[in-house]
Protein backbone atom coordinates (compact mmCIF):
# COMPACT_ATOMS: atom_id res chain seq x y z
CA THR A 1 10.76 20.72 -19.56
CA ARG A 2 7.70 18.55 -20.08
CA PRO A 3 5.78 17.44 -16.93
CA SER A 4 6.38 13.80 -17.92
CA ASP A 5 10.14 14.42 -17.80
CA VAL A 6 9.96 15.00 -14.06
CA ALA A 7 9.23 11.38 -13.23
CA THR A 8 11.70 9.68 -15.61
CA ASN A 9 13.96 6.95 -14.27
CA ARG A 10 17.01 7.56 -16.44
CA VAL A 11 20.25 7.31 -14.49
CA PRO A 12 22.34 10.50 -14.68
CA GLN A 13 26.12 10.56 -14.89
CA PRO A 14 28.05 10.74 -11.61
CA PRO A 15 28.47 14.30 -10.33
CA PRO A 16 31.95 15.72 -9.67
CA HIS A 17 31.13 16.06 -5.94
CA ALA A 18 29.09 13.68 -3.84
CA THR A 19 27.76 16.31 -1.45
CA PRO A 20 26.91 20.01 -1.59
CA GLU A 21 29.75 22.40 -0.88
CA GLY A 22 29.37 25.82 0.73
CA ASP A 23 26.22 27.69 -0.18
CA ALA A 24 25.83 26.11 -3.62
CA PHE A 25 23.54 23.13 -3.88
CA PRO A 26 24.41 20.93 -6.88
CA LEU A 27 22.04 21.40 -9.77
CA GLY A 28 23.92 20.85 -13.00
CA PRO A 29 23.56 18.72 -16.12
CA GLU A 30 25.42 15.87 -14.43
CA LEU A 31 22.62 15.59 -11.84
CA LEU A 32 19.74 15.84 -14.30
CA PRO A 33 17.37 14.74 -15.69
CA VAL A 34 15.27 14.12 -12.66
CA PRO A 35 14.41 12.53 -10.17
CA ILE A 36 14.84 15.61 -8.04
CA VAL A 37 14.26 16.50 -4.41
CA VAL A 38 12.34 19.68 -3.64
CA ALA A 39 12.59 21.03 -0.08
CA THR A 40 9.82 23.50 0.78
CA MET A 41 10.95 26.08 3.35
CA GLY A 42 9.38 28.94 5.23
CA LEU A 43 7.53 30.06 8.33
CA PRO A 44 4.61 28.09 9.75
CA GLY A 45 1.57 29.41 7.90
CA ALA A 46 3.56 30.51 4.85
CA GLY A 47 1.81 28.01 2.59
CA LYS A 48 4.45 25.28 2.31
CA SER A 49 1.98 22.40 2.40
CA VAL A 50 -0.23 24.00 -0.24
CA VAL A 51 2.79 24.36 -2.50
CA ALA A 52 4.10 20.88 -1.68
CA ARG A 53 0.79 19.26 -2.61
CA ALA A 54 0.79 21.10 -5.94
CA ILE A 55 4.36 19.97 -6.62
CA GLU A 56 3.40 16.41 -5.71
CA THR A 57 0.48 16.43 -8.14
CA GLN A 58 1.90 18.43 -11.03
CA LEU A 59 5.49 17.20 -11.03
CA GLY A 60 4.82 13.61 -10.00
CA LEU A 61 7.00 13.68 -6.88
CA ARG A 62 6.41 11.70 -3.69
CA ARG A 63 5.45 14.01 -0.83
CA ILE A 64 7.14 13.27 2.51
CA CYS A 65 5.52 15.24 5.33
CA ARG A 66 7.16 15.22 8.76
CA ASP A 67 3.96 16.34 10.50
CA ARG A 68 1.99 13.43 9.06
CA ILE A 69 4.79 10.99 9.82
CA ARG A 70 4.79 12.15 13.45
CA ALA A 71 1.00 11.84 13.66
CA ALA A 72 1.17 8.30 12.30
CA MET A 73 4.01 7.27 14.60
CA PHE A 74 2.52 8.86 17.73
CA PRO A 75 -1.31 8.98 17.59
CA ASN A 76 -1.40 10.35 21.15
CA CYS A 77 1.49 12.71 20.55
CA ASN A 78 2.94 14.80 23.38
CA TYR A 79 4.64 17.05 20.80
CA SER A 80 7.95 16.55 22.53
CA PHE A 81 11.35 17.19 21.00
CA ILE A 82 12.16 13.47 20.86
CA GLU A 83 8.93 12.67 19.00
CA LYS A 84 9.67 15.45 16.52
CA ARG A 85 13.23 14.20 16.09
CA ALA A 86 12.05 10.64 15.51
CA ALA A 87 9.71 11.88 12.78
CA TYR A 88 12.58 13.79 11.17
CA ARG A 89 14.75 10.67 11.13
CA SER A 90 11.88 8.73 9.58
CA LEU A 91 11.52 11.45 6.95
CA LEU A 92 15.19 11.06 6.07
CA LEU A 93 14.76 7.29 5.81
CA ALA A 94 11.77 7.72 3.50
CA LEU A 95 13.82 10.13 1.40
CA GLU A 96 16.66 7.62 1.19
CA ILE A 97 14.28 4.89 0.03
CA ASN A 98 12.77 7.16 -2.61
CA CYS A 99 16.25 8.01 -3.86
CA MET A 100 17.18 4.33 -4.04
CA LEU A 101 14.04 3.74 -6.09
CA ARG A 102 14.92 6.70 -8.36
CA ALA A 103 11.69 8.40 -7.27
CA GLY A 104 11.60 12.17 -6.81
CA SER A 105 10.51 13.65 -3.49
CA VAL A 106 9.05 16.88 -2.14
CA ILE A 107 9.70 17.55 1.55
CA ASP A 108 6.80 19.03 3.51
CA GLY A 109 6.11 19.86 7.16
CA MET A 110 9.51 21.41 7.90
CA THR A 111 10.55 25.05 8.14
CA PHE A 112 14.23 24.23 7.55
CA SER A 113 15.04 27.15 9.83
CA ARG A 114 18.28 25.37 10.70
CA ARG A 115 20.55 25.04 7.70
CA SER A 116 21.99 21.75 8.94
CA GLU A 117 18.63 20.01 8.45
CA LEU A 118 18.45 21.15 4.84
CA ASP A 119 22.07 20.17 4.28
CA ARG A 120 21.28 16.68 5.53
CA VAL A 121 18.46 16.30 3.00
CA ALA A 122 20.72 17.52 0.19
CA GLU A 123 23.54 15.20 1.23
CA ILE A 124 21.28 12.14 1.12
CA ALA A 125 20.00 13.11 -2.31
CA ALA A 126 23.50 13.85 -3.63
CA ARG A 127 24.73 10.40 -2.56
CA HIS A 128 22.27 9.05 -5.10
CA ARG A 129 23.22 11.65 -7.72
CA ILE A 130 19.97 13.53 -7.22
CA ALA A 131 19.76 17.32 -7.03
CA THR A 132 18.00 19.23 -4.27
CA ILE A 133 16.01 22.36 -5.10
CA PRO A 134 15.18 24.49 -2.03
CA VAL A 135 11.93 26.44 -2.44
CA LEU A 136 11.32 29.21 0.11
CA VAL A 137 7.71 30.33 0.51
CA GLU A 138 8.22 33.85 1.82
CA CYS A 139 5.43 35.29 3.93
CA PRO A 140 5.16 38.31 6.28
CA PRO A 141 5.19 37.13 9.92
CA ASP A 142 1.88 38.82 10.74
CA LEU A 143 0.12 36.99 7.91
CA ALA A 144 1.77 33.71 8.93
CA ARG A 145 0.52 34.13 12.52
CA GLU A 146 -2.97 34.92 11.27
CA ARG A 147 -3.05 31.79 9.13
CA VAL A 148 -1.71 29.60 11.93
CA ALA A 149 -4.32 30.96 14.35
CA ARG A 150 -7.06 30.21 11.82
CA ASP A 151 -5.76 26.68 11.27
CA LEU A 152 -5.64 26.11 15.03
CA ALA A 153 -9.21 27.34 15.49
CA THR A 154 -10.56 25.15 12.70
CA GLY A 155 -8.40 22.09 13.36
CA ARG A 156 -7.21 22.22 9.77
CA HIS A 157 -3.57 21.38 10.47
CA VAL A 158 -2.41 17.97 11.70
CA ALA A 159 0.18 19.47 14.10
CA LEU A 160 -1.76 20.70 17.12
CA ASP A 161 1.34 22.28 18.69
CA ARG A 162 1.51 24.79 15.85
CA THR A 163 0.54 28.19 17.28
CA PRO A 164 1.20 31.85 16.42
CA GLU A 165 4.03 31.74 18.95
CA THR A 166 5.66 29.02 16.83
CA VAL A 167 6.13 31.63 14.11
CA ASN A 168 8.11 33.77 16.57
CA ASP A 169 10.24 30.79 17.58
CA VAL A 170 11.14 30.05 13.97
CA LEU A 171 11.92 33.71 13.28
CA ALA A 172 14.30 33.79 16.24
CA ARG A 173 16.37 30.83 15.09
CA ARG A 174 16.13 30.71 11.32
CA GLU A 175 19.29 30.88 9.27
CA PRO A 176 19.69 32.28 5.75
CA PRO A 177 18.66 29.93 2.93
CA PRO A 178 21.35 28.61 0.58
CA GLU A 179 22.39 30.55 -2.47
CA GLY A 180 20.14 29.83 -5.44
CA THR A 181 17.03 29.09 -3.37
CA LEU A 182 13.83 29.66 -5.33
CA VAL A 183 11.67 32.27 -3.55
CA ILE A 184 7.87 32.19 -3.89
CA ASP A 185 5.54 34.98 -2.76
CA GLY A 186 3.43 33.48 0.02
CA THR A 187 0.95 36.37 -0.08
CA LEU A 188 -0.39 35.28 -3.46
CA ALA A 189 -3.67 33.43 -3.84
CA GLU A 190 -3.14 29.68 -3.50
CA ALA A 191 -3.53 28.90 -7.20
CA GLU A 192 -1.09 31.66 -8.20
CA MET A 193 1.40 30.65 -5.51
CA CYS A 194 1.35 27.01 -6.63
CA ARG A 195 1.67 27.94 -10.29
CA ALA A 196 4.64 30.20 -9.49
CA ALA A 197 6.39 27.41 -7.57
CA VAL A 198 5.87 24.75 -10.23
CA ASP A 199 6.92 27.11 -13.02
CA ALA A 200 10.05 28.15 -11.11
CA ILE A 201 11.08 24.53 -10.56
CA ARG A 202 10.55 23.66 -14.21
CA GLN A 203 12.56 26.70 -15.28
CA CYS A 204 15.32 25.79 -12.84
CA ILE A 205 15.56 22.33 -14.39
CA ALA A 206 15.47 23.69 -17.93
CA ASP A 207 18.21 26.23 -17.15
CA SER A 208 20.40 23.51 -15.66
CA GLN A 209 20.01 21.29 -18.70
CA GLY A 210 21.01 24.07 -21.06
CA PRO A 211 19.35 25.31 -24.25
CA ALA A 212 19.52 21.91 -25.92
CA GLY A 213 18.14 20.09 -22.88
CA ASP A 214 21.28 18.03 -22.39
């Protein structure tokens, strides 16, 4: 699949099902060529934002980051549940608009520890005949905590409520990712990790289109 193919605006044929069923997210010839939706998943500190920015740049997708949406909506944020929920709803609205415009999206700033949140993203995309590709950046918890602590000390991350304890919270509640999720090694150097993610997505698209690309 050529990089330019990722931003095409051709309208695919209607899929046999409007929403994902069970553990299988729709990613077949009837939903391709792109636009696509990529949902980056993983622990805080895994490297999701690094990967999402690479996907944004190299695949021409629009990045939708819940953390940045929340910061823009609430400059003096209390980091409450309702503020976080409002940002999530705004993320879904932005995704819907992108889908209506036939623009691909990459979701950033969410762990997707709860399967229902990922299902909601996939359902919105599927309504517009767009496939969702979950990408899990897998990282050992100790390394994730170390990275989060470093970000907190340097003020690198926009979400100031993100602490090493947040990693433990996500671990305690996270549910298994859907079948077919692309898994990226979060211990790799940033350049290697990004290259692995982009290559995996391109291969996923190519495999779905078949050997002839149709």
